[in-house]
Every structure is written in structure tokens, then in C-alpha cells.
Protein backbone atom coordinates (compact mmCIF):
# COMPACT_ATOMS: atom_id res chain seq x y z
CA MET A 1 -30.90 64.51 -69.03
CA GLU A 2 -26.76 64.49 -68.96
CA GLN A 3 -26.81 66.82 -66.01
CA PHE A 4 -29.31 64.24 -63.86
CA LEU A 5 -26.80 61.94 -64.35
CA ALA A 6 -23.42 63.72 -63.63
CA ALA A 7 -26.41 64.90 -60.50
CA LEU A 8 -26.16 60.87 -60.11
CA ASP A 9 -22.81 59.87 -60.44
CA GLY A 10 -21.61 62.51 -57.82
CA SER A 11 -24.19 61.41 -55.15
CA TRP A 12 -23.43 58.40 -55.23
CA ARG A 13 -20.11 58.86 -54.54
CA VAL A 14 -20.53 61.28 -51.44
CA LEU A 15 -22.68 58.19 -50.09
CA ALA A 16 -19.82 55.42 -50.46
CA ILE A 17 -17.50 58.08 -48.74
CA GLY A 18 -20.25 58.76 -46.12
CA MET A 19 -21.23 55.15 -45.39
CA LEU A 20 -17.32 54.24 -45.09
CA LEU A 21 -16.66 56.72 -42.67
CA GLY A 22 -20.12 57.34 -41.18
CA ALA A 23 -20.94 53.98 -40.24
CA GLY A 24 -17.64 51.65 -41.29
CA LEU A 25 -15.00 53.44 -39.12
CA PRO A 26 -17.37 53.04 -36.17
CA ALA A 27 -18.00 49.22 -37.33
CA VAL A 28 -14.43 48.50 -37.43
CA PHE A 29 -13.65 50.07 -33.90
CA ALA A 30 -16.73 47.87 -32.76
CA LEU A 31 -15.11 44.67 -34.24
CA GLY A 32 -11.77 45.78 -32.96
CA LEU A 33 -13.43 45.70 -29.26
CA ARG A 34 -15.06 42.09 -29.96
CA ALA A 35 -11.45 41.21 -30.67
CA LEU A 36 -10.53 42.04 -27.81
CA SER A 37 -13.04 40.50 -25.99
CA TRP A 38 -12.04 36.92 -27.84
CA GLY A 39 -12.01 34.51 -25.07
CA THR A 40 -12.52 36.29 -21.96
CA GLY A 41 -15.26 34.00 -20.02
CA HIS A 42 -15.68 31.90 -16.93
CA ASP A 43 -15.11 28.59 -17.37
CA VAL A 44 -17.43 26.65 -14.09
CA ALA A 45 -15.97 23.19 -13.11
CA PRO A 46 -17.91 20.38 -12.03
CA ASP A 47 -16.83 21.50 -8.87
CA GLY A 48 -18.00 24.42 -8.21
CA THR A 49 -14.90 26.25 -8.96
CA VAL A 50 -14.67 29.30 -11.25
CA ALA A 51 -11.41 29.67 -14.02
CA VAL A 52 -11.39 33.15 -15.47
CA VAL A 53 -10.00 32.56 -19.72
CA ARG A 54 -7.23 34.42 -20.28
CA PRO A 55 -7.63 36.39 -23.76
CA HIS A 56 -6.80 34.89 -26.99
CA PRO A 57 -3.14 36.69 -28.14
CA LEU A 58 -3.88 36.80 -31.69
CA GLY A 59 -7.47 38.45 -30.87
CA ARG A 60 -5.72 41.28 -29.27
CA VAL A 61 -3.35 41.81 -32.17
CA VAL A 62 -6.54 41.63 -34.70
CA ALA A 63 -7.55 44.42 -32.26
CA TYR A 64 -4.82 46.55 -32.16
CA LEU A 65 -4.48 46.59 -36.15
CA MET A 66 -8.43 47.57 -36.10
CA PHE A 67 -7.79 50.33 -33.59
CA THR A 68 -4.86 51.30 -35.78
CA PHE A 69 -6.52 51.74 -38.76
CA VAL A 70 -8.91 53.98 -36.93
CA VAL A 71 -6.79 56.36 -35.63
CA LEU A 72 -4.81 56.84 -38.84
CA ALA A 73 -8.16 57.16 -41.39
CA VAL A 74 -9.33 59.57 -37.89
CA LEU A 75 -5.43 61.38 -37.91
CA VAL A 76 -5.48 61.48 -42.30
CA GLY A 77 -9.06 63.04 -41.97
CA ILE A 78 -8.28 65.84 -39.35
CA THR A 79 -4.47 66.77 -41.23
CA TYR A 80 -6.56 66.96 -44.93
CA ILE A 81 -9.16 69.73 -43.12
CA ALA A 82 -6.45 71.40 -41.25
CA LEU A 83 -3.92 71.72 -44.16
CA HIS A 84 -6.86 72.77 -46.72
CA GLY A 85 -7.43 75.63 -44.50
CA LEU A 86 -3.50 76.26 -45.23
CA GLY A 87 -3.45 76.21 -48.93
CA TRP A 88 -2.10 71.99 -48.80
CA THR A 89 -4.20 69.67 -50.44
CA ILE A 90 -3.14 65.99 -50.58
CA THR A 91 -2.96 63.44 -53.20
CA PHE A 92 -2.90 59.85 -53.27
CA ASN A 93 -1.01 58.87 -56.20
CA GLY A 94 -0.07 55.68 -54.39
CA ALA A 95 0.19 54.27 -51.22
CA VAL A 96 1.82 57.06 -49.20
CA PRO A 97 0.01 60.43 -49.17
CA VAL A 98 1.71 63.75 -50.90
CA LEU A 99 1.38 67.12 -49.87
CA THR A 100 1.41 69.33 -52.30
CA HIS A 101 0.64 73.44 -52.58
CA LYS A 102 -2.65 74.18 -54.32
């Protein structure tokens, strides 16, 4: 029973990371695209003229922050894979990742 609980403990962690990176990063990217389109559209006046509404500046800032987060997550993943093959590892002892030799 103890081995079963240990396996269950490991499998929920793999599932959580898989959901975070597998579905979470594309969702953050999609929310960034949605924030980028915030405030765009067409406004039709009563006389029939069409005015194009400019995007909201706050939406652009939020979108760029989300895109930056996705790019940094991908870069950390690629760095981890590449350095792991070269005998290095990344440790997160605080907010800043540290490269250490195995």
C-alpha cells in the first residue's frame, strides 16, 4: 500500500506540471492575444459612418507581459534540457535560477 501511495504522489505531480505547461502556457498565450485585441472594433455612427477604434494601451501592456512570460518559460525549459545533457542542472533556491554542476 505504501508503494501505491508513493506512485500516486508522483503521478499527481506529473499531471499538475503537464497541465501547467501543456495547457497553461497556450492558455496564457491565448489570453495575451485576447488582451491585445481589447478595444478594437468598428463603431458605426447613426449617419452610417464607420470609425475604427484604436486598441487599448493597457491591453497591449498586459498582452506583452503574458507573451514575455510564455517566452521565458520556453527558454527556461530549453535551457534545462540542453544543460542537463551537458552535466549541469538548474536549481531554484529562490527567485533566481542557479546553474550548478552535477
